[in-house]
Amino acid sequence: MNNNPESSAPLLTPQTAATKPSESRGDEGQATAEYALLTGAIALVITAVTAWAASTGKIARLLDLVFDHLARGIG
């Protein structure tokens, strides 16, 4: 055994035991929140475009063109 008083000092000092800066600020969920906001914004844009296209009848015309083209190719 080593009887040196310095060798029995704690291994972690306040400086080395400090947490990471991101953990001390409490921003662990920031990336999740950003993804949720981005996903919500994309969903809003898709909803708006779909509502506009449905109100103008463009989706029905597009589907008619696609199905007509497929029907001509099969028959």
PDB file of N, CA and C in Angstrom:
ATOM      1  N   MET A   1       0.829  -1.181   0.000  1.00  0.00           N
ATOM      2  CA  MET A   1       0.000   0.000   0.000  1.00  0.00           C
ATOM      3  C   MET A   1       0.871   1.242   0.000  1.00  0.00           C
ATOM      4  N   ASN A   2       0.385   2.240  -0.625  1.00  0.00           N
ATOM      5  CA  ASN A   2       1.074   3.517  -0.662  1.00  0.00           C
ATOM      6  C   ASN A   2       0.472   4.404   0.402  1.00  0.00           C
ATOM      7  N   ASN A   3       1.264   4.901   1.319  1.00  0.00           N
ATOM      8  CA  ASN A   3       0.780   5.747   2.411  1.00  0.00           C
ATOM      9  C   ASN A   3       0.881   7.219   2.072  1.00  0.00           C
ATOM     10  N   ASN A   4       1.055   7.540   0.829  1.00  0.00           N
ATOM     11  CA  ASN A   4       1.159   8.925   0.403  1.00  0.00           C
ATOM     12  C   ASN A   4      -0.227   9.553   0.447  1.00  0.00           C
ATOM     13  N   PRO A   5      -0.435  10.659   1.208  1.00  0.00           N
ATOM     14  CA  PRO A   5      -1.769  11.277   1.291  1.00  0.00           C
ATOM     15  C   PRO A   5      -2.272  11.786  -0.053  1.00  0.00           C
ATOM     16  N   GLU A   6      -1.389  12.131  -0.948  1.00  0.00           N
ATOM     17  CA  GLU A   6      -1.812  12.623  -2.249  1.00  0.00           C
ATOM     18  C   GLU A   6      -2.406  11.508  -3.103  1.00  0.00           C
ATOM     19  N   SER A   7      -1.990  10.289  -2.904  1.00  0.00           N
ATOM     20  CA  SER A   7      -2.504   9.194  -3.708  1.00  0.00           C
ATOM     21  C   SER A   7      -3.927   8.818  -3.325  1.00  0.00           C
ATOM     22  N   SER A   8      -4.389   9.192  -2.153  1.00  0.00           N
ATOM     23  CA  SER A   8      -5.753   8.877  -1.746  1.00  0.00           C
ATOM     24  C   SER A   8      -6.725  10.001  -2.097  1.00  0.00           C
ATOM     25  N   ALA A   9      -6.246  11.018  -2.800  1.00  0.00           N
ATOM     26  CA  ALA A   9      -7.121  12.123  -3.210  1.00  0.00           C
ATOM     27  C   ALA A   9      -8.141  11.602  -4.215  1.00  0.00           C
ATOM     28  N   PRO A  10      -9.321  12.180  -4.249  1.00  0.00           N
ATOM     29  CA  PRO A  10     -10.330  11.725  -5.208  1.00  0.00           C
ATOM     30  C   PRO A  10      -9.818  11.862  -6.639  1.00  0.00           C
ATOM     31  N   LEU A  11     -10.246  10.922  -7.462  1.00  0.00           N
ATOM     32  CA  LEU A  11      -9.807  10.924  -8.852  1.00  0.00           C
ATOM     33  C   LEU A  11     -10.499  12.011  -9.663  1.00  0.00           C
ATOM     34  N   LEU A  12     -11.691  12.391  -9.279  1.00  0.00           N
ATOM     35  CA  LEU A  12     -12.441  13.397 -10.023  1.00  0.00           C
ATOM     36  C   LEU A  12     -12.428  14.713  -9.268  1.00  0.00           C
ATOM     37  N   THR A  13     -11.931  15.717  -9.903  1.00  0.00           N
ATOM     38  CA  THR A  13     -11.985  17.059  -9.316  1.00  0.00           C
ATOM     39  C   THR A  13     -13.206  17.762  -9.894  1.00  0.00           C
ATOM     40  N   PRO A  14     -13.639  18.855  -9.314  1.00  0.00           N
ATOM     41  CA  PRO A  14     -14.812  19.555  -9.871  1.00  0.00           C
ATOM     42  C   PRO A  14     -14.637  19.905 -11.340  1.00  0.00           C
ATOM     43  N   GLN A  15     -13.434  20.185 -11.744  1.00  0.00           N
ATOM     44  CA  GLN A  15     -13.218  20.544 -13.146  1.00  0.00           C
ATOM     45  C   GLN A  15     -13.378  19.327 -14.054  1.00  0.00           C
ATOM     46  N   THR A  16     -12.843  18.164 -13.666  1.00  0.00           N
ATOM     47  CA  THR A  16     -12.931  16.995 -14.521  1.00  0.00           C
ATOM     48  C   THR A  16     -14.277  16.298 -14.410  1.00  0.00           C
ATOM     49  N   ALA A  17     -15.009  16.542 -13.338  1.00  0.00           N
ATOM     50  CA  ALA A  17     -16.305  15.893 -13.162  1.00  0.00           C
ATOM     51  C   ALA A  17     -17.439  16.699 -13.784  1.00  0.00           C
ATOM     52  N   ALA A  18     -17.122  17.835 -14.368  1.00  0.00           N
ATOM     53  CA  ALA A  18     -18.168  18.675 -14.962  1.00  0.00           C
ATOM     54  C   ALA A  18     -18.822  17.943 -16.130  1.00  0.00           C
ATOM     55  N   THR A  19     -20.097  18.184 -16.299  1.00  0.00           N
ATOM     56  CA  THR A  19     -20.817  17.538 -17.391  1.00  0.00           C
ATOM     57  C   THR A  19     -20.504  18.243 -18.702  1.00  0.00           C
ATOM     58  N   LYS A  20     -20.915  17.635 -19.773  1.00  0.00           N
ATOM     59  CA  LYS A  20     -20.728  18.239 -21.084  1.00  0.00           C
ATOM     60  C   LYS A  20     -21.523  19.531 -21.152  1.00  0.00           C
ATOM     61  N   PRO A  21     -21.058  20.504 -21.927  1.00  0.00           N
ATOM     62  CA  PRO A  21     -21.802  21.765 -22.020  1.00  0.00           C
ATOM     63  C   PRO A  21     -23.239  21.575 -22.487  1.00  0.00           C
ATOM     64  N   SER A  22     -23.477  20.657 -23.426  1.00  0.00           N
ATOM     65  CA  SER A  22     -24.847  20.474 -23.926  1.00  0.00           C
ATOM     66  C   SER A  22     -25.753  19.917 -22.841  1.00  0.00           C
ATOM     67  N   GLU A  23     -25.218  19.078 -21.960  1.00  0.00           N
ATOM     68  CA  GLU A  23     -26.036  18.525 -20.893  1.00  0.00           C
ATOM     69  C   GLU A  23     -26.344  19.564 -19.834  1.00  0.00           C
ATOM     70  N   SER A  24     -25.415  20.466 -19.591  1.00  0.00           N
ATOM     71  CA  SER A  24     -25.657  21.460 -18.556  1.00  0.00           C
ATOM     72  C   SER A  24     -26.664  22.516 -19.011  1.00  0.00           C
ATOM     73  N   ARG A  25     -26.791  22.723 -20.317  1.00  0.00           N
ATOM     74  CA  ARG A  25     -27.760  23.705 -20.808  1.00  0.00           C
ATOM     75  C   ARG A  25     -29.153  23.112 -20.930  1.00  0.00           C
ATOM     76  N   GLY A  26     -29.258  21.805 -20.922  1.00  0.00           N
ATOM     77  CA  GLY A  26     -30.561  21.169 -21.011  1.00  0.00           C
ATOM     78  C   GLY A  26     -31.130  21.134 -22.414  1.00  0.00           C
ATOM     79  N   ASP A  27     -30.283  21.018 -23.431  1.00  0.00           N
ATOM     80  CA  ASP A  27     -30.779  21.012 -24.811  1.00  0.00           C
ATOM     81  C   ASP A  27     -30.668  19.633 -25.454  1.00  0.00           C
ATOM     82  N   GLU A  28     -30.832  18.572 -24.637  1.00  0.00           N
ATOM     83  CA  GLU A  28     -30.735  17.222 -25.175  1.00  0.00           C
ATOM     84  C   GLU A  28     -31.824  16.949 -26.213  1.00  0.00           C
ATOM     85  N   GLY A  29     -33.010  17.492 -26.050  1.00  0.00           N
ATOM     86  CA  GLY A  29     -34.112  17.220 -26.959  1.00  0.00           C
ATOM     87  C   GLY A  29     -34.243  18.223 -28.089  1.00  0.00           C
ATOM     88  N   GLN A  30     -33.241  19.052 -28.283  1.00  0.00           N
ATOM     89  CA  GLN A  30     -33.333  20.092 -29.308  1.00  0.00           C
ATOM     90  C   GLN A  30     -33.464  19.488 -30.701  1.00  0.00           C
ATOM     91  N   ALA A  31     -32.691  18.478 -31.005  1.00  0.00           N
ATOM     92  CA  ALA A  31     -32.749  17.872 -32.341  1.00  0.00           C
ATOM     93  C   ALA A  31     -34.125  17.261 -32.587  1.00  0.00           C
ATOM     94  N   THR A  32     -34.675  16.603 -31.572  1.00  0.00           N
ATOM     95  CA  THR A  32     -36.003  16.005 -31.718  1.00  0.00           C
ATOM     96  C   THR A  32     -37.042  17.084 -31.972  1.00  0.00           C
ATOM     97  N   ALA A  33     -36.948  18.175 -31.262  1.00  0.00           N
ATOM     98  CA  ALA A  33     -37.899  19.273 -31.459  1.00  0.00           C
ATOM     99  C   ALA A  33     -37.760  19.866 -32.862  1.00  0.00           C
ATOM    100  N   GLU A  34     -36.532  19.995 -33.335  1.00  0.00           N
ATOM    101  CA  GLU A  34     -36.320  20.543 -34.676  1.00  0.00           C
ATOM    102  C   GLU A  34     -36.901  19.614 -35.741  1.00  0.00           C
ATOM    103  N   TYR A  35     -36.696  18.312 -35.578  1.00  0.00           N
ATOM    104  CA  TYR A  35     -37.277  17.357 -36.535  1.00  0.00           C
ATOM    105  C   TYR A  35     -38.798  17.408 -36.486  1.00  0.00           C
ATOM    106  N   ALA A  36     -39.364  17.545 -35.301  1.00  0.00           N
ATOM    107  CA  ALA A  36     -40.823  17.610 -35.176  1.00  0.00           C
ATOM    108  C   ALA A  36     -41.361  18.870 -35.852  1.00  0.00           C
ATOM    109  N   LEU A  37     -40.698  19.996 -35.668  1.00  0.00           N
ATOM    110  CA  LEU A  37     -41.126  21.239 -36.317  1.00  0.00           C
ATOM    111  C   LEU A  37     -40.997  21.139 -37.833  1.00  0.00           C
ATOM    112  N   LEU A  38     -39.915  20.567 -38.301  1.00  0.00           N
ATOM    113  CA  LEU A  38     -39.723  20.420 -39.745  1.00  0.00           C
ATOM    114  C   LEU A  38     -40.771  19.486 -40.338  1.00  0.00           C
ATOM    115  N   THR A  39     -41.040  18.386 -39.653  1.00  0.00           N
ATOM    116  CA  THR A  39     -42.055  17.444 -40.129  1.00  0.00           C
ATOM    117  C   THR A  39     -43.430  18.105 -40.152  1.00  0.00           C
ATOM    118  N   GLY A  40     -43.737  18.885 -39.140  1.00  0.00           N
ATOM    119  CA  GLY A  40     -45.013  19.600 -39.105  1.00  0.00           C
ATOM    120  C   GLY A  40     -45.133  20.604 -40.237  1.00  0.00           C
ATOM    121  N   ALA A  41     -44.045  21.323 -40.511  1.00  0.00           N
ATOM    122  CA  ALA A  41     -44.065  22.308 -41.599  1.00  0.00           C
ATOM    123  C   ALA A  41     -44.265  21.618 -42.950  1.00  0.00           C
ATOM    124  N   ILE A  42     -43.594  20.498 -43.145  1.00  0.00           N
ATOM    125  CA  ILE A  42     -43.753  19.763 -44.403  1.00  0.00           C
ATOM    126  C   ILE A  42     -45.183  19.250 -44.540  1.00  0.00           C
ATOM    127  N   ALA A  43     -45.741  18.750 -43.445  1.00  0.00           N
ATOM    128  CA  ALA A  43     -47.124  18.262 -43.485  1.00  0.00           C
ATOM    129  C   ALA A  43     -48.094  19.390 -43.819  1.00  0.00           C
ATOM    130  N   LEU A  44     -47.846  20.590 -43.289  1.00  0.00           N
ATOM    131  CA  LEU A  44     -48.706  21.740 -43.614  1.00  0.00           C
ATOM    132  C   LEU A  44     -48.637  22.088 -45.101  1.00  0.00           C
ATOM    133  N   VAL A  45     -47.444  22.069 -45.656  1.00  0.00           N
ATOM    134  CA  VAL A  45     -47.287  22.391 -47.079  1.00  0.00           C
ATOM    135  C   VAL A  45     -47.990  21.342 -47.938  1.00  0.00           C
ATOM    136  N   ILE A  46     -47.807  20.074 -47.600  1.00  0.00           N
ATOM    137  CA  ILE A  46     -48.457  19.007 -48.369  1.00  0.00           C
ATOM    138  C   ILE A  46     -49.971  19.120 -48.266  1.00  0.00           C
ATOM    139  N   THR A  47     -50.472  19.418 -47.080  1.00  0.00           N
ATOM    140  CA  THR A  47     -51.915  19.572 -46.894  1.00  0.00           C
ATOM    141  C   THR A  47     -52.450  20.740 -47.712  1.00  0.00           C
ATOM    142  N   ALA A  48     -51.722  21.860 -47.699  1.00  0.00           N
ATOM    143  CA  ALA A  48     -52.165  23.034 -48.451  1.00  0.00           C
ATOM    144  C   ALA A  48     -52.179  22.762 -49.955  1.00  0.00           C
ATOM    145  N   VAL A  49     -51.132  22.125 -50.457  1.00  0.00           N
ATOM    146  CA  VAL A  49     -51.066  21.826 -51.892  1.00  0.00           C
ATOM    147  C   VAL A  49     -52.158  20.833 -52.281  1.00  0.00           C
ATOM    148  N   THR A  50     -52.377  19.824 -51.447  1.00  0.00           N
ATOM    149  CA  THR A  50     -53.421  18.836 -51.732  1.00  0.00           C
ATOM    150  C   THR A  50     -54.803  19.477 -51.714  1.00  0.00           C
ATOM    151  N   ALA A  51     -55.061  20.344 -50.741  1.00  0.00           N
ATOM    152  CA  ALA A  51     -56.359  21.022 -50.677  1.00  0.00           C
ATOM    153  C   ALA A  51     -56.566  21.911 -51.903  1.00  0.00           C
ATOM    154  N   TRP A  52     -55.510  22.617 -52.309  1.00  0.00           N
ATOM    155  CA  TRP A  52     -55.625  23.470 -53.491  1.00  0.00           C
ATOM    156  C   TRP A  52     -55.888  22.625 -54.739  1.00  0.00           C
ATOM    157  N   ALA A  53     -55.133  21.552 -54.893  1.00  0.00           N
ATOM    158  CA  ALA A  53     -55.289  20.720 -56.084  1.00  0.00           C
ATOM    159  C   ALA A  53     -56.660  20.050 -56.119  1.00  0.00           C
ATOM    160  N   ALA A  54     -57.154  19.651 -54.956  1.00  0.00           N
ATOM    161  CA  ALA A  54     -58.474  19.017 -54.916  1.00  0.00           C
ATOM    162  C   ALA A  54     -59.570  20.023 -55.241  1.00  0.00           C
ATOM    163  N   SER A  55     -59.405  21.256 -54.800  1.00  0.00           N
ATOM    164  CA  SER A  55     -60.442  22.264 -55.058  1.00  0.00           C
ATOM    165  C   SER A  55     -60.472  22.705 -56.521  1.00  0.00           C
ATOM    166  N   THR A  56     -59.364  22.564 -57.215  1.00  0.00           N
ATOM    167  CA  THR A  56     -59.327  22.961 -58.627  1.00  0.00           C
ATOM    168  C   THR A  56     -59.646  21.801 -59.561  1.00  0.00           C
ATOM    169  N   GLY A  57     -59.733  20.593 -59.024  1.00  0.00           N
ATOM    170  CA  GLY A  57     -60.037  19.435 -59.853  1.00  0.00           C
ATOM    171  C   GLY A  57     -58.832  18.875 -60.575  1.00  0.00           C
ATOM    172  N   LYS A  58     -57.648  19.367 -60.255  1.00  0.00           N
ATOM    173  CA  LYS A  58     -56.443  18.917 -60.958  1.00  0.00           C
ATOM    174  C   LYS A  58     -56.090  17.471 -60.625  1.00  0.00           C
ATOM    175  N   ILE A  59     -56.369  17.033 -59.428  1.00  0.00           N
ATOM    176  CA  ILE A  59     -56.059  15.646 -59.063  1.00  0.00           C
ATOM    177  C   ILE A  59     -56.934  14.691 -59.857  1.00  0.00           C
ATOM    178  N   ALA A  60     -58.205  15.003 -59.969  1.00  0.00           N
ATOM    179  CA  ALA A  60     -59.110  14.136 -60.735  1.00  0.00           C
ATOM    180  C   ALA A  60     -58.678  14.067 -62.190  1.00  0.00           C
ATOM    181  N   ARG A  61     -58.299  15.212 -62.771  1.00  0.00           N
ATOM    182  CA  ARG A  61     -57.853  15.214 -64.172  1.00  0.00           C
ATOM    183  C   ARG A  61     -56.554  14.440 -64.341  1.00  0.00           C
ATOM    184  N   LEU A  62     -55.650  14.587 -63.379  1.00  0.00           N
ATOM    185  CA  LEU A  62     -54.386  13.860 -63.438  1.00  0.00           C
ATOM    186  C   LEU A  62     -54.629  12.352 -63.375  1.00  0.00           C
ATOM    187  N   LEU A  63     -55.465  11.934 -62.438  1.00  0.00           N
ATOM    188  CA  LEU A  63     -55.767  10.506 -62.330  1.00  0.00           C
ATOM    189  C   LEU A  63     -56.470   9.991 -63.585  1.00  0.00           C
ATOM    190  N   ASP A  64     -57.360  10.791 -64.151  1.00  0.00           N
ATOM    191  CA  ASP A  64     -58.025  10.392 -65.399  1.00  0.00           C
ATOM    192  C   ASP A  64     -57.001  10.192 -66.511  1.00  0.00           C
ATOM    193  N   LEU A  65     -56.056  11.116 -66.626  1.00  0.00           N
ATOM    194  CA  LEU A  65     -55.025  10.986 -67.661  1.00  0.00           C
ATOM    195  C   LEU A  65     -54.174   9.734 -67.449  1.00  0.00           C
ATOM    196  N   VAL A  66     -53.802   9.488 -66.199  1.00  0.00           N
ATOM    197  CA  VAL A  66     -52.966   8.323 -65.901  1.00  0.00           C
ATOM    198  C   VAL A  66     -53.717   7.040 -66.226  1.00  0.00           C
ATOM    199  N   PHE A  67     -54.958   6.931 -65.764  1.00  0.00           N
ATOM    200  CA  PHE A  67     -55.719   5.711 -66.005  1.00  0.00           C
ATOM    201  C   PHE A  67     -56.053   5.534 -67.488  1.00  0.00           C
ATOM    202  N   ASP A  68     -56.340   6.628 -68.205  1.00  0.00           N
ATOM    203  CA  ASP A  68     -56.580   6.526 -69.635  1.00  0.00           C
ATOM    204  C   ASP A  68     -55.340   6.026 -70.364  1.00  0.00           C
ATOM    205  N   HIS A  69     -54.185   6.558 -69.965  1.00  0.00           N
ATOM    206  CA  HIS A  69     -52.939   6.140 -70.576  1.00  0.00           C
ATOM    207  C   HIS A  69     -52.660   4.666 -70.287  1.00  0.00           C
ATOM    208  N   LEU A  70     -52.890   4.236 -69.070  1.00  0.00           N
ATOM    209  CA  LEU A  70     -52.697   2.823 -68.720  1.00  0.00           C
ATOM    210  C   LEU A  70     -53.679   1.917 -69.465  1.00  0.00           C
ATOM    211  N   ALA A  71     -54.905   2.363 -69.596  1.00  0.00           N
ATOM    212  CA  ALA A  71     -55.918   1.565 -70.284  1.00  0.00           C
ATOM    213  C   ALA A  71     -55.573   1.414 -71.769  1.00  0.00           C
ATOM    214  N   ARG A  72     -55.056   2.469 -72.401  1.00  0.00           N
ATOM    215  CA  ARG A  72     -54.673   2.399 -73.810  1.00  0.00           C
ATOM    216  C   ARG A  72     -53.474   1.457 -73.989  1.00  0.00           C
ATOM    217  N   GLY A  73     -52.558   1.452 -73.004  1.00  0.00           N
ATOM    218  CA  GLY A  73     -51.366   0.615 -73.100  1.00  0.00           C
ATOM    219  C   GLY A  73     -51.690  -0.853 -72.917  1.00  0.00           C
ATOM    220  N   ILE A  74     -52.698  -1.160 -72.121  1.00  0.00           N
ATOM    221  CA  ILE A  74     -53.057  -2.550 -71.854  1.00  0.00           C
ATOM    222  C   ILE A  74     -53.882  -3.120 -72.994  1.00  0.00           C
ATOM    223  N   GLY A  75     -54.801  -2.324 -73.513  1.00  0.00           N
ATOM    224  CA  GLY A  75     -55.769  -2.815 -74.502  1.00  0.00           C
ATOM    225  C   GLY A  75     -55.282  -2.742 -75.848  1.00  0.00           C
TER     226      GLY A  75
END
